[in-house]
Amino acid sequence: MPGRFSQRIGATEVRSVVQVETIDAPLRNRLWSLVYICLDTGGGEMKYSQRAEAYRDIYLNFFELPIDAIPDWLQHANDSIKSYFYQPEWYKPYDLLEFVLNHLWDSTHSDEMFELANTALQKYLSGYRFVNGRLVPITDESHIQTIEDALQSPLTGVRTHLSKSLALLSARDATDPENAIKEAVSAVESLCASIVGKRDTLGAAIKKLEDAGVSIHPALKESWLKLYGYTSDGDGIRHSLQLESSVTVDDALYFLVSCSAFIGLLTAKASAAGISLQPVK
């Protein structure tokens, strides 16, 4: 279980965990480390650096400054690059990282660098990943809003399970994506139990929704039954203590968003059917 008080009680906010159009200090620091190892940190004069052309590329083509703006000393150049990286705008570190990895790093090691970058982006739940050398969004504002809306559920059980899922993802020093998925699925299970008026497994409860007055499309019902089958018997979920897990933070984030969206749909349908959502004892 996450160690910090705010995480244990589920008080961690969605936007402080899933980083879309924002970047916190730990993520920024980790990404700066990737930029830093691409620079010449040996000190001395720029004209003697083996990476003088790379610095010229940064100043002329990224900063779009005149050539005489390039510092004579490497330390001054590195300081100015770092100063840009740590400016308050959330997108500037991403702009610089993308440019550096595509222009400065030895092409024979570029795949390794992009992999390291994606590992950091995943660990700190950035909403962006490198694909073919370019940063692309994998999570957007609507996904965050979907989770936030689900966290407003009138059912304590739903809110508690979603908060625990979010908290497990926010514990970046010991992220537990398997249990984050279990908690997200349990939130849906708690809502379904309230709709059908009986505690049951999610698979069984979904099959009873129509009898309770909530009708969902057969294809959607089948997809959720398959998702439940995966989480209850999938590699790395139920058997995670027996086998090496293949579940990633990205998998867990997908389930958190999907479960939150399904909660929103079922809540709306239950309301339309006149069903009062009450905890099932």
C-alpha atoms as a PDB file:
ATOM      1  CA  MET A   1       0.000   0.000   0.000  1.00  0.00           C
ATOM      2  CA  PRO A   2       1.311   3.516  -0.799  1.00  0.00           C
ATOM      3  CA  GLY A   3       3.307   4.988   2.047  1.00  0.00           C
ATOM      4  CA  ARG A   4       2.243   8.644   2.076  1.00  0.00           C
ATOM      5  CA  PHE A   5      -0.764   9.710   4.145  1.00  0.00           C
ATOM      6  CA  SER A   6      -2.490  11.419   1.207  1.00  0.00           C
ATOM      7  CA  GLN A   7      -2.131   8.244  -0.834  1.00  0.00           C
ATOM      8  CA  ARG A   8      -3.370   5.940   1.917  1.00  0.00           C
ATOM      9  CA  ILE A   9      -6.590   7.906   2.357  1.00  0.00           C
ATOM     10  CA  GLY A  10      -7.110   8.336  -1.373  1.00  0.00           C
ATOM     11  CA  ALA A  11      -6.731  12.104  -1.315  1.00  0.00           C
ATOM     12  CA  THR A  12      -4.350  12.262  -4.275  1.00  0.00           C
ATOM     13  CA  GLU A  13      -5.858  14.375  -7.045  1.00  0.00           C
ATOM     14  CA  VAL A  14      -6.140  12.982 -10.568  1.00  0.00           C
ATOM     15  CA  ARG A  15      -4.274  15.897 -12.118  1.00  0.00           C
ATOM     16  CA  SER A  16      -1.334  15.469  -9.770  1.00  0.00           C
ATOM     17  CA  VAL A  17      -0.976  11.850 -10.891  1.00  0.00           C
ATOM     18  CA  VAL A  18      -1.771  11.742 -14.601  1.00  0.00           C
ATOM     19  CA  GLN A  19       0.362  14.487 -16.113  1.00  0.00           C
ATOM     20  CA  VAL A  20      -1.375  16.057 -19.092  1.00  0.00           C
ATOM     21  CA  GLU A  21      -0.361  19.635 -19.931  1.00  0.00           C
ATOM     22  CA  THR A  22       1.627  19.659 -16.715  1.00  0.00           C
ATOM     23  CA  ILE A  23       4.958  18.331 -15.506  1.00  0.00           C
ATOM     24  CA  ASP A  24       5.976  17.909 -11.888  1.00  0.00           C
ATOM     25  CA  ALA A  25       9.468  18.272 -10.460  1.00  0.00           C
ATOM     26  CA  PRO A  26      10.365  14.543 -10.279  1.00  0.00           C
ATOM     27  CA  LEU A  27       9.438  13.992 -13.939  1.00  0.00           C
ATOM     28  CA  ARG A  28      11.196  17.163 -15.074  1.00  0.00           C
ATOM     29  CA  ASN A  29      14.335  16.163 -13.157  1.00  0.00           C
ATOM     30  CA  ARG A  30      14.368  12.688 -14.678  1.00  0.00           C
ATOM     31  CA  LEU A  31      13.954  14.048 -18.205  1.00  0.00           C
ATOM     32  CA  TRP A  32      16.677  16.638 -17.636  1.00  0.00           C
ATOM     33  CA  SER A  33      19.035  13.816 -16.732  1.00  0.00           C
ATOM     34  CA  LEU A  34      18.424  12.339 -20.190  1.00  0.00           C
ATOM     35  CA  VAL A  35      19.211  15.668 -21.830  1.00  0.00           C
ATOM     36  CA  TYR A  36      22.278  16.150 -19.643  1.00  0.00           C
ATOM     37  CA  ILE A  37      23.948  12.895 -20.668  1.00  0.00           C
ATOM     38  CA  CYS A  38      23.660  14.008 -24.297  1.00  0.00           C
ATOM     39  CA  LEU A  39      25.669  17.159 -23.600  1.00  0.00           C
ATOM     40  CA  ASP A  40      29.403  17.690 -23.279  1.00  0.00           C
ATOM     41  CA  THR A  41      29.888  18.051 -19.532  1.00  0.00           C
ATOM     42  CA  GLY A  42      33.661  18.030 -19.536  1.00  0.00           C
ATOM     43  CA  GLY A  43      33.960  21.803 -19.346  1.00  0.00           C
ATOM     44  CA  GLY A  44      36.405  23.893 -21.305  1.00  0.00           C
ATOM     45  CA  GLU A  45      35.988  25.962 -24.423  1.00  0.00           C
ATOM     46  CA  MET A  46      33.231  25.261 -26.915  1.00  0.00           C
ATOM     47  CA  LYS A  47      35.601  25.255 -29.889  1.00  0.00           C
ATOM     48  CA  TYR A  48      37.420  22.209 -28.517  1.00  0.00           C
ATOM     49  CA  SER A  49      34.270  20.181 -27.836  1.00  0.00           C
ATOM     50  CA  GLN A  50      33.585  17.094 -29.938  1.00  0.00           C
ATOM     51  CA  ARG A  51      29.927  18.109 -29.807  1.00  0.00           C
ATOM     52  CA  ALA A  52      30.382  21.716 -30.930  1.00  0.00           C
ATOM     53  CA  GLU A  53      28.195  21.092 -33.991  1.00  0.00           C
ATOM     54  CA  ALA A  54      25.419  19.721 -31.770  1.00  0.00           C
ATOM     55  CA  TYR A  55      25.473  22.889 -29.675  1.00  0.00           C
ATOM     56  CA  ARG A  56      25.405  24.957 -32.844  1.00  0.00           C
ATOM     57  CA  ASP A  57      22.315  22.986 -33.871  1.00  0.00           C
ATOM     58  CA  ILE A  58      20.584  23.765 -30.565  1.00  0.00           C
ATOM     59  CA  TYR A  59      21.333  27.492 -30.658  1.00  0.00           C
ATOM     60  CA  LEU A  60      20.629  28.039 -34.346  1.00  0.00           C
ATOM     61  CA  ASN A  61      17.763  25.630 -35.006  1.00  0.00           C
ATOM     62  CA  PHE A  62      16.076  25.155 -31.634  1.00  0.00           C
ATOM     63  CA  PHE A  63      16.597  28.455 -29.814  1.00  0.00           C
ATOM     64  CA  GLU A  64      16.730  30.224 -33.222  1.00  0.00           C
ATOM     65  CA  LEU A  65      19.413  32.584 -31.959  1.00  0.00           C
ATOM     66  CA  PRO A  66      22.206  34.239 -33.994  1.00  0.00           C
ATOM     67  CA  ILE A  67      25.432  32.316 -34.228  1.00  0.00           C
ATOM     68  CA  ASP A  68      27.332  34.769 -32.034  1.00  0.00           C
ATOM     69  CA  ALA A  69      24.938  33.923 -29.177  1.00  0.00           C
ATOM     70  CA  ILE A  70      26.610  30.537 -28.757  1.00  0.00           C
ATOM     71  CA  PRO A  71      28.657  30.717 -25.519  1.00  0.00           C
ATOM     72  CA  ASP A  72      32.417  30.343 -25.729  1.00  0.00           C
ATOM     73  CA  TRP A  73      32.424  28.012 -22.744  1.00  0.00           C
ATOM     74  CA  LEU A  74      30.618  24.702 -22.454  1.00  0.00           C
ATOM     75  CA  GLN A  75      29.490  25.306 -18.879  1.00  0.00           C
ATOM     76  CA  HIS A  76      27.766  28.528 -19.895  1.00  0.00           C
ATOM     77  CA  ALA A  77      26.052  26.741 -22.779  1.00  0.00           C
ATOM     78  CA  ASN A  78      24.874  23.926 -20.527  1.00  0.00           C
ATOM     79  CA  ASP A  79      23.599  26.397 -17.961  1.00  0.00           C
ATOM     80  CA  SER A  80      21.549  28.269 -20.553  1.00  0.00           C
ATOM     81  CA  ILE A  81      20.099  25.017 -21.923  1.00  0.00           C
ATOM     82  CA  LYS A  82      19.149  23.952 -18.406  1.00  0.00           C
ATOM     83  CA  SER A  83      17.626  27.350 -17.722  1.00  0.00           C
ATOM     84  CA  TYR A  84      15.345  26.908 -20.739  1.00  0.00           C
ATOM     85  CA  PHE A  85      14.447  23.372 -19.662  1.00  0.00           C
ATOM     86  CA  TYR A  86      13.374  24.562 -16.198  1.00  0.00           C
ATOM     87  CA  GLN A  87      11.205  27.439 -17.354  1.00  0.00           C
ATOM     88  CA  PRO A  88       7.649  27.182 -15.938  1.00  0.00           C
ATOM     89  CA  GLU A  89       5.886  26.284 -19.187  1.00  0.00           C
ATOM     90  CA  TRP A  90       5.072  22.555 -19.053  1.00  0.00           C
ATOM     91  CA  TYR A  91       5.794  21.928 -22.752  1.00  0.00           C
ATOM     92  CA  LYS A  92       9.312  23.368 -22.932  1.00  0.00           C
ATOM     93  CA  PRO A  93      11.074  20.334 -21.394  1.00  0.00           C
ATOM     94  CA  TYR A  94       9.266  18.102 -23.892  1.00  0.00           C
ATOM     95  CA  ASP A  95      10.235  20.326 -26.828  1.00  0.00           C
ATOM     96  CA  LEU A  96      13.888  20.320 -25.825  1.00  0.00           C
ATOM     97  CA  LEU A  97      14.027  16.613 -24.998  1.00  0.00           C
ATOM     98  CA  GLU A  98      12.511  15.680 -28.355  1.00  0.00           C
ATOM     99  CA  PHE A  99      14.967  17.918 -30.219  1.00  0.00           C
ATOM    100  CA  VAL A 100      18.001  16.685 -28.307  1.00  0.00           C
ATOM    101  CA  LEU A 101      17.205  12.991 -28.687  1.00  0.00           C
ATOM    102  CA  ASN A 102      16.610  13.427 -32.405  1.00  0.00           C
ATOM    103  CA  HIS A 103      19.587  15.690 -33.162  1.00  0.00           C
ATOM    104  CA  LEU A 104      22.321  15.272 -30.594  1.00  0.00           C
ATOM    105  CA  TRP A 105      22.441  11.654 -29.657  1.00  0.00           C
ATOM    106  CA  ASP A 106      24.472   9.113 -31.597  1.00  0.00           C
ATOM    107  CA  SER A 107      22.018   7.418 -33.950  1.00  0.00           C
ATOM    108  CA  THR A 108      23.433   4.000 -33.067  1.00  0.00           C
ATOM    109  CA  HIS A 109      22.108   4.473 -29.525  1.00  0.00           C
ATOM    110  CA  SER A 110      18.931   6.417 -30.300  1.00  0.00           C
ATOM    111  CA  ASP A 111      16.589   3.472 -29.718  1.00  0.00           C
ATOM    112  CA  GLU A 112      18.091   2.993 -26.269  1.00  0.00           C
ATOM    113  CA  MET A 113      17.609   6.670 -25.422  1.00  0.00           C
ATOM    114  CA  PHE A 114      13.993   6.733 -26.576  1.00  0.00           C
ATOM    115  CA  GLU A 115      13.356   3.603 -24.535  1.00  0.00           C
ATOM    116  CA  LEU A 116      14.874   5.241 -21.454  1.00  0.00           C
ATOM    117  CA  ALA A 117      12.726   8.312 -22.045  1.00  0.00           C
ATOM    118  CA  ASN A 118       9.549   6.257 -22.373  1.00  0.00           C
ATOM    119  CA  THR A 119      10.412   4.347 -19.211  1.00  0.00           C
ATOM    120  CA  ALA A 120      10.620   7.643 -17.319  1.00  0.00           C
ATOM    121  CA  LEU A 121       7.438   8.974 -18.929  1.00  0.00           C
ATOM    122  CA  GLN A 122       5.590   5.819 -17.969  1.00  0.00           C
ATOM    123  CA  LYS A 123       6.913   5.729 -14.402  1.00  0.00           C
ATOM    124  CA  TYR A 124       5.803   9.289 -13.722  1.00  0.00           C
ATOM    125  CA  LEU A 125       2.475   8.852 -15.548  1.00  0.00           C
ATOM    126  CA  SER A 126       3.131  11.432 -18.208  1.00  0.00           C
ATOM    127  CA  GLY A 127       0.348  11.652 -20.766  1.00  0.00           C
ATOM    128  CA  TYR A 128       2.939  11.450 -23.585  1.00  0.00           C
ATOM    129  CA  ARG A 129       5.213   8.834 -25.145  1.00  0.00           C
ATOM    130  CA  PHE A 130       7.836   8.722 -27.888  1.00  0.00           C
ATOM    131  CA  VAL A 131       6.628   6.990 -31.044  1.00  0.00           C
ATOM    132  CA  ASN A 132       9.009   6.935 -34.008  1.00  0.00           C
ATOM    133  CA  GLY A 133      11.074   9.662 -32.396  1.00  0.00           C
ATOM    134  CA  ARG A 134       8.159  12.031 -31.805  1.00  0.00           C
ATOM    135  CA  LEU A 135       6.227  12.724 -28.615  1.00  0.00           C
ATOM    136  CA  VAL A 136       2.548  11.894 -28.976  1.00  0.00           C
ATOM    137  CA  PRO A 137      -0.325  12.120 -26.456  1.00  0.00           C
ATOM    138  CA  ILE A 138      -1.586   8.841 -25.015  1.00  0.00           C
ATOM    139  CA  THR A 139      -3.893  10.496 -22.461  1.00  0.00           C
ATOM    140  CA  ASP A 140      -5.912  13.669 -22.899  1.00  0.00           C
ATOM    141  CA  GLU A 141      -7.997  16.101 -20.889  1.00  0.00           C
ATOM    142  CA  SER A 142     -11.178  14.122 -21.482  1.00  0.00           C
ATOM    143  CA  HIS A 143      -9.638  11.043 -19.865  1.00  0.00           C
ATOM    144  CA  ILE A 144      -8.798  12.985 -16.723  1.00  0.00           C
ATOM    145  CA  GLN A 145     -12.282  14.504 -16.647  1.00  0.00           C
ATOM    146  CA  THR A 146     -13.771  11.018 -16.966  1.00  0.00           C
ATOM    147  CA  ILE A 147     -11.909   9.846 -13.862  1.00  0.00           C
ATOM    148  CA  GLU A 148     -12.797  12.999 -11.949  1.00  0.00           C
ATOM    149  CA  ASP A 149     -16.484  12.582 -12.827  1.00  0.00           C
ATOM    150  CA  ALA A 150     -16.472   8.953 -11.674  1.00  0.00           C
ATOM    151  CA  LEU A 151     -14.917  10.044  -8.379  1.00  0.00           C
ATOM    152  CA  GLN A 152     -18.088  12.064  -7.748  1.00  0.00           C
ATOM    153  CA  SER A 153     -20.174   8.878  -7.563  1.00  0.00           C
ATOM    154  CA  PRO A 154     -22.782   8.885  -4.772  1.00  0.00           C
ATOM    155  CA  LEU A 155     -21.548   5.438  -3.747  1.00  0.00           C
ATOM    156  CA  THR A 156     -18.743   5.391  -1.184  1.00  0.00           C
ATOM    157  CA  GLY A 157     -17.552   2.016  -2.456  1.00  0.00           C
ATOM    158  CA  VAL A 158     -17.079   3.320  -5.989  1.00  0.00           C
ATOM    159  CA  ARG A 159     -15.196   6.391  -4.800  1.00  0.00           C
ATOM    160  CA  THR A 160     -13.022   4.362  -2.428  1.00  0.00           C
ATOM    161  CA  HIS A 161     -11.959   1.799  -5.036  1.00  0.00           C
ATOM    162  CA  LEU A 162     -11.203   4.457  -7.645  1.00  0.00           C
ATOM    163  CA  SER A 163      -9.213   6.479  -5.111  1.00  0.00           C
ATOM    164  CA  LYS A 164      -7.204   3.400  -4.173  1.00  0.00           C
ATOM    165  CA  SER A 165      -6.502   2.673  -7.838  1.00  0.00           C
ATOM    166  CA  LEU A 166      -5.295   6.223  -8.336  1.00  0.00           C
ATOM    167  CA  ALA A 167      -3.221   6.096  -5.159  1.00  0.00           C
ATOM    168  CA  LEU A 168      -1.523   2.872  -6.224  1.00  0.00           C
ATOM    169  CA  LEU A 169      -0.537   4.530  -9.500  1.00  0.00           C
ATOM    170  CA  SER A 170       0.746   7.615  -7.700  1.00  0.00           C
ATOM    171  CA  ALA A 171       3.140   5.585  -5.538  1.00  0.00           C
ATOM    172  CA  ARG A 172       5.883   5.905  -8.133  1.00  0.00           C
ATOM    173  CA  ASP A 173       8.576   4.334  -5.990  1.00  0.00           C
ATOM    174  CA  ALA A 174       6.596   1.103  -5.749  1.00  0.00           C
ATOM    175  CA  THR A 175       3.940   1.252  -8.454  1.00  0.00           C
ATOM    176  CA  ASP A 176       1.521  -1.657  -8.330  1.00  0.00           C
ATOM    177  CA  PRO A 177      -0.382  -1.736 -11.651  1.00  0.00           C
ATOM    178  CA  GLU A 178      -1.934  -5.152 -10.972  1.00  0.00           C
ATOM    179  CA  ASN A 179      -3.730  -3.992  -7.851  1.00  0.00           C
ATOM    180  CA  ALA A 180      -4.524  -0.639  -9.452  1.00  0.00           C
ATOM    181  CA  ILE A 181      -6.453  -2.571 -12.102  1.00  0.00           C
ATOM    182  CA  LYS A 182      -8.163  -4.709  -9.469  1.00  0.00           C
ATOM    183  CA  GLU A 183      -9.328  -1.613  -7.591  1.00  0.00           C
ATOM    184  CA  ALA A 184     -10.659   0.027 -10.776  1.00  0.00           C
ATOM    185  CA  VAL A 185     -12.601  -3.110 -11.662  1.00  0.00           C
ATOM    186  CA  SER A 186     -13.868  -3.366  -8.082  1.00  0.00           C
ATOM    187  CA  ALA A 187     -15.304   0.150  -8.446  1.00  0.00           C
ATOM    188  CA  VAL A 188     -17.417  -1.022 -11.390  1.00  0.00           C
ATOM    189  CA  GLU A 189     -18.359  -4.142  -9.436  1.00  0.00           C
ATOM    190  CA  SER A 190     -19.526  -1.996  -6.514  1.00  0.00           C
ATOM    191  CA  LEU A 191     -21.746   0.092  -8.803  1.00  0.00           C
ATOM    192  CA  CYS A 192     -23.227  -2.965 -10.500  1.00  0.00           C
ATOM    193  CA  ALA A 193     -24.007  -4.494  -7.105  1.00  0.00           C
ATOM    194  CA  SER A 194     -25.961  -1.371  -6.188  1.00  0.00           C
ATOM    195  CA  ILE A 195     -27.916  -1.473  -9.460  1.00  0.00           C
ATOM    196  CA  VAL A 196     -28.882  -5.150  -9.207  1.00  0.00           C
ATOM    197  CA  GLY A 197     -29.308  -4.986  -5.426  1.00  0.00           C
ATOM    198  CA  LYS A 198     -26.975  -7.857  -4.656  1.00  0.00           C
ATOM    199  CA  ARG A 199     -23.273  -8.370  -4.185  1.00  0.00           C
ATOM    200  CA  ASP A 200     -21.831 -10.562  -6.912  1.00  0.00           C
ATOM    201  CA  THR A 201     -18.838 -10.909  -9.169  1.00  0.00           C
ATOM    202  CA  LEU A 202     -18.675  -8.288 -11.889  1.00  0.00           C
ATOM    203  CA  GLY A 203     -19.276 -10.893 -14.577  1.00  0.00           C
ATOM    204  CA  ALA A 204     -22.445 -12.149 -12.893  1.00  0.00           C
ATOM    205  CA  ALA A 205     -23.685  -8.641 -12.074  1.00  0.00           C
ATOM    206  CA  ILE A 206     -23.278  -7.399 -15.670  1.00  0.00           C
ATOM    207  CA  LYS A 207     -25.476 -10.256 -16.858  1.00  0.00           C
ATOM    208  CA  LYS A 208     -28.201  -9.131 -14.413  1.00  0.00           C
ATOM    209  CA  LEU A 209     -28.201  -5.437 -15.336  1.00  0.00           C
ATOM    210  CA  GLU A 210     -30.992  -5.757 -17.895  1.00  0.00           C
ATOM    211  CA  ASP A 211     -33.244  -7.545 -15.403  1.00  0.00           C
ATOM    212  CA  ALA A 212     -32.681  -4.604 -13.034  1.00  0.00           C
ATOM    213  CA  GLY A 213     -33.778  -2.125 -15.694  1.00  0.00           C
ATOM    214  CA  VAL A 214     -30.412  -1.061 -17.145  1.00  0.00           C
ATOM    215  CA  SER A 215     -29.963  -2.123 -20.742  1.00  0.00           C
ATOM    216  CA  ILE A 216     -26.586  -1.948 -22.488  1.00  0.00           C
ATOM    217  CA  HIS A 217     -25.713  -2.985 -26.022  1.00  0.00           C
ATOM    218  CA  PRO A 218     -24.867  -6.701 -26.338  1.00  0.00           C
ATOM    219  CA  ALA A 219     -21.488  -5.896 -27.870  1.00  0.00           C
ATOM    220  CA  LEU A 220     -20.626  -3.593 -24.968  1.00  0.00           C
ATOM    221  CA  LYS A 221     -21.791  -6.184 -22.475  1.00  0.00           C
ATOM    222  CA  GLU A 222     -19.676  -8.841 -24.167  1.00  0.00           C
ATOM    223  CA  SER A 223     -16.608  -6.583 -24.206  1.00  0.00           C
ATOM    224  CA  TRP A 224     -16.918  -5.966 -20.474  1.00  0.00           C
ATOM    225  CA  LEU A 225     -17.370  -9.646 -19.753  1.00  0.00           C
ATOM    226  CA  LYS A 226     -14.161 -10.286 -21.674  1.00  0.00           C
ATOM    227  CA  LEU A 227     -12.345  -7.517 -19.804  1.00  0.00           C
ATOM    228  CA  TYR A 228     -13.525  -8.987 -16.519  1.00  0.00           C
ATOM    229  CA  GLY A 229     -12.324 -12.396 -17.668  1.00  0.00           C
ATOM    230  CA  TYR A 230      -8.905 -10.896 -18.354  1.00  0.00           C
ATOM    231  CA  THR A 231      -8.631  -9.243 -14.955  1.00  0.00           C
ATOM    232  CA  SER A 232      -9.808 -12.322 -13.078  1.00  0.00           C
ATOM    233  CA  ASP A 233      -7.721 -14.815 -15.007  1.00  0.00           C
ATOM    234  CA  GLY A 234      -5.271 -12.772 -17.021  1.00  0.00           C
ATOM    235  CA  ASP A 235      -1.500 -13.006 -17.103  1.00  0.00           C
ATOM    236  CA  GLY A 236      -0.077 -10.832 -14.387  1.00  0.00           C
ATOM    237  CA  ILE A 237      -3.397 -10.092 -12.666  1.00  0.00           C
ATOM    238  CA  ARG A 238      -4.639 -13.023 -10.625  1.00  0.00           C
ATOM    239  CA  HIS A 239      -1.376 -14.923 -11.016  1.00  0.00           C
ATOM    240  CA  SER A 240       0.954 -12.010 -10.423  1.00  0.00           C
ATOM    241  CA  LEU A 241       2.419 -13.598  -7.316  1.00  0.00           C
ATOM    242  CA  GLN A 242       3.196 -16.797  -9.202  1.00  0.00           C
ATOM    243  CA  LEU A 243       4.533 -15.454 -12.485  1.00  0.00           C
ATOM    244  CA  GLU A 244       6.480 -12.411 -13.568  1.00  0.00           C
ATOM    245  CA  SER A 245       3.851  -9.813 -14.367  1.00  0.00           C
ATOM    246  CA  SER A 246       3.532  -8.338 -17.841  1.00  0.00           C
ATOM    247  CA  VAL A 247       1.123  -5.644 -16.660  1.00  0.00           C
ATOM    248  CA  THR A 248       2.371  -2.080 -17.044  1.00  0.00           C
ATOM    249  CA  VAL A 249       1.380   1.311 -15.680  1.00  0.00           C
ATOM    250  CA  ASP A 250      -0.074   2.118 -19.106  1.00  0.00           C
ATOM    251  CA  ASP A 251      -2.314  -0.957 -18.815  1.00  0.00           C
ATOM    252  CA  ALA A 252      -3.495   0.179 -15.393  1.00  0.00           C
ATOM    253  CA  LEU A 253      -4.155   3.723 -16.602  1.00  0.00           C
ATOM    254  CA  TYR A 254      -6.199   2.345 -19.497  1.00  0.00           C
ATOM    255  CA  PHE A 255      -8.309   0.298 -17.091  1.00  0.00           C
ATOM    256  CA  LEU A 256      -8.766   3.238 -14.734  1.00  0.00           C
ATOM    257  CA  VAL A 257     -10.055   5.427 -17.583  1.00  0.00           C
ATOM    258  CA  SER A 258     -12.209   2.628 -19.035  1.00  0.00           C
ATOM    259  CA  CYS A 259     -13.735   1.717 -15.683  1.00  0.00           C
ATOM    260  CA  SER A 260     -14.412   5.375 -14.934  1.00  0.00           C
ATOM    261  CA  ALA A 261     -16.167   5.790 -18.291  1.00  0.00           C
ATOM    262  CA  PHE A 262     -18.261   2.668 -17.699  1.00  0.00           C
ATOM    263  CA  ILE A 263     -19.203   3.959 -14.248  1.00  0.00           C
ATOM    264  CA  GLY A 264     -20.387   7.204 -15.828  1.00  0.00           C
ATOM    265  CA  LEU A 265     -22.464   5.304 -18.398  1.00  0.00           C
ATOM    266  CA  LEU A 266     -24.064   2.932 -15.875  1.00  0.00           C
ATOM    267  CA  THR A 267     -24.765   5.773 -13.439  1.00  0.00           C
ATOM    268  CA  ALA A 268     -26.571   7.727 -16.156  1.00  0.00           C
ATOM    269  CA  LYS A 269     -28.574   4.684 -17.257  1.00  0.00           C
ATOM    270  CA  ALA A 270     -29.491   3.836 -13.669  1.00  0.00           C
ATOM    271  CA  SER A 271     -30.706   7.400 -13.143  1.00  0.00           C
ATOM    272  CA  ALA A 272     -32.793   7.265 -16.347  1.00  0.00           C
ATOM    273  CA  ALA A 273     -34.329   4.010 -15.147  1.00  0.00           C
ATOM    274  CA  GLY A 274     -35.246   5.602 -11.810  1.00  0.00           C
ATOM    275  CA  ILE A 275     -32.872   3.395  -9.825  1.00  0.00           C
ATOM    276  CA  SER A 276     -31.689   4.901  -6.555  1.00  0.00           C
ATOM    277  CA  LEU A 277     -28.090   3.945  -5.979  1.00  0.00           C
ATOM    278  CA  GLN A 278     -27.637   2.669  -2.471  1.00  0.00           C
ATOM    279  CA  PRO A 279     -24.779   0.661  -0.913  1.00  0.00           C
ATOM    280  CA  VAL A 280     -25.430  -3.082  -0.795  1.00  0.00           C
ATOM    281  CA  LYS A 281     -24.893  -4.512   2.687  1.00  0.00           C
END
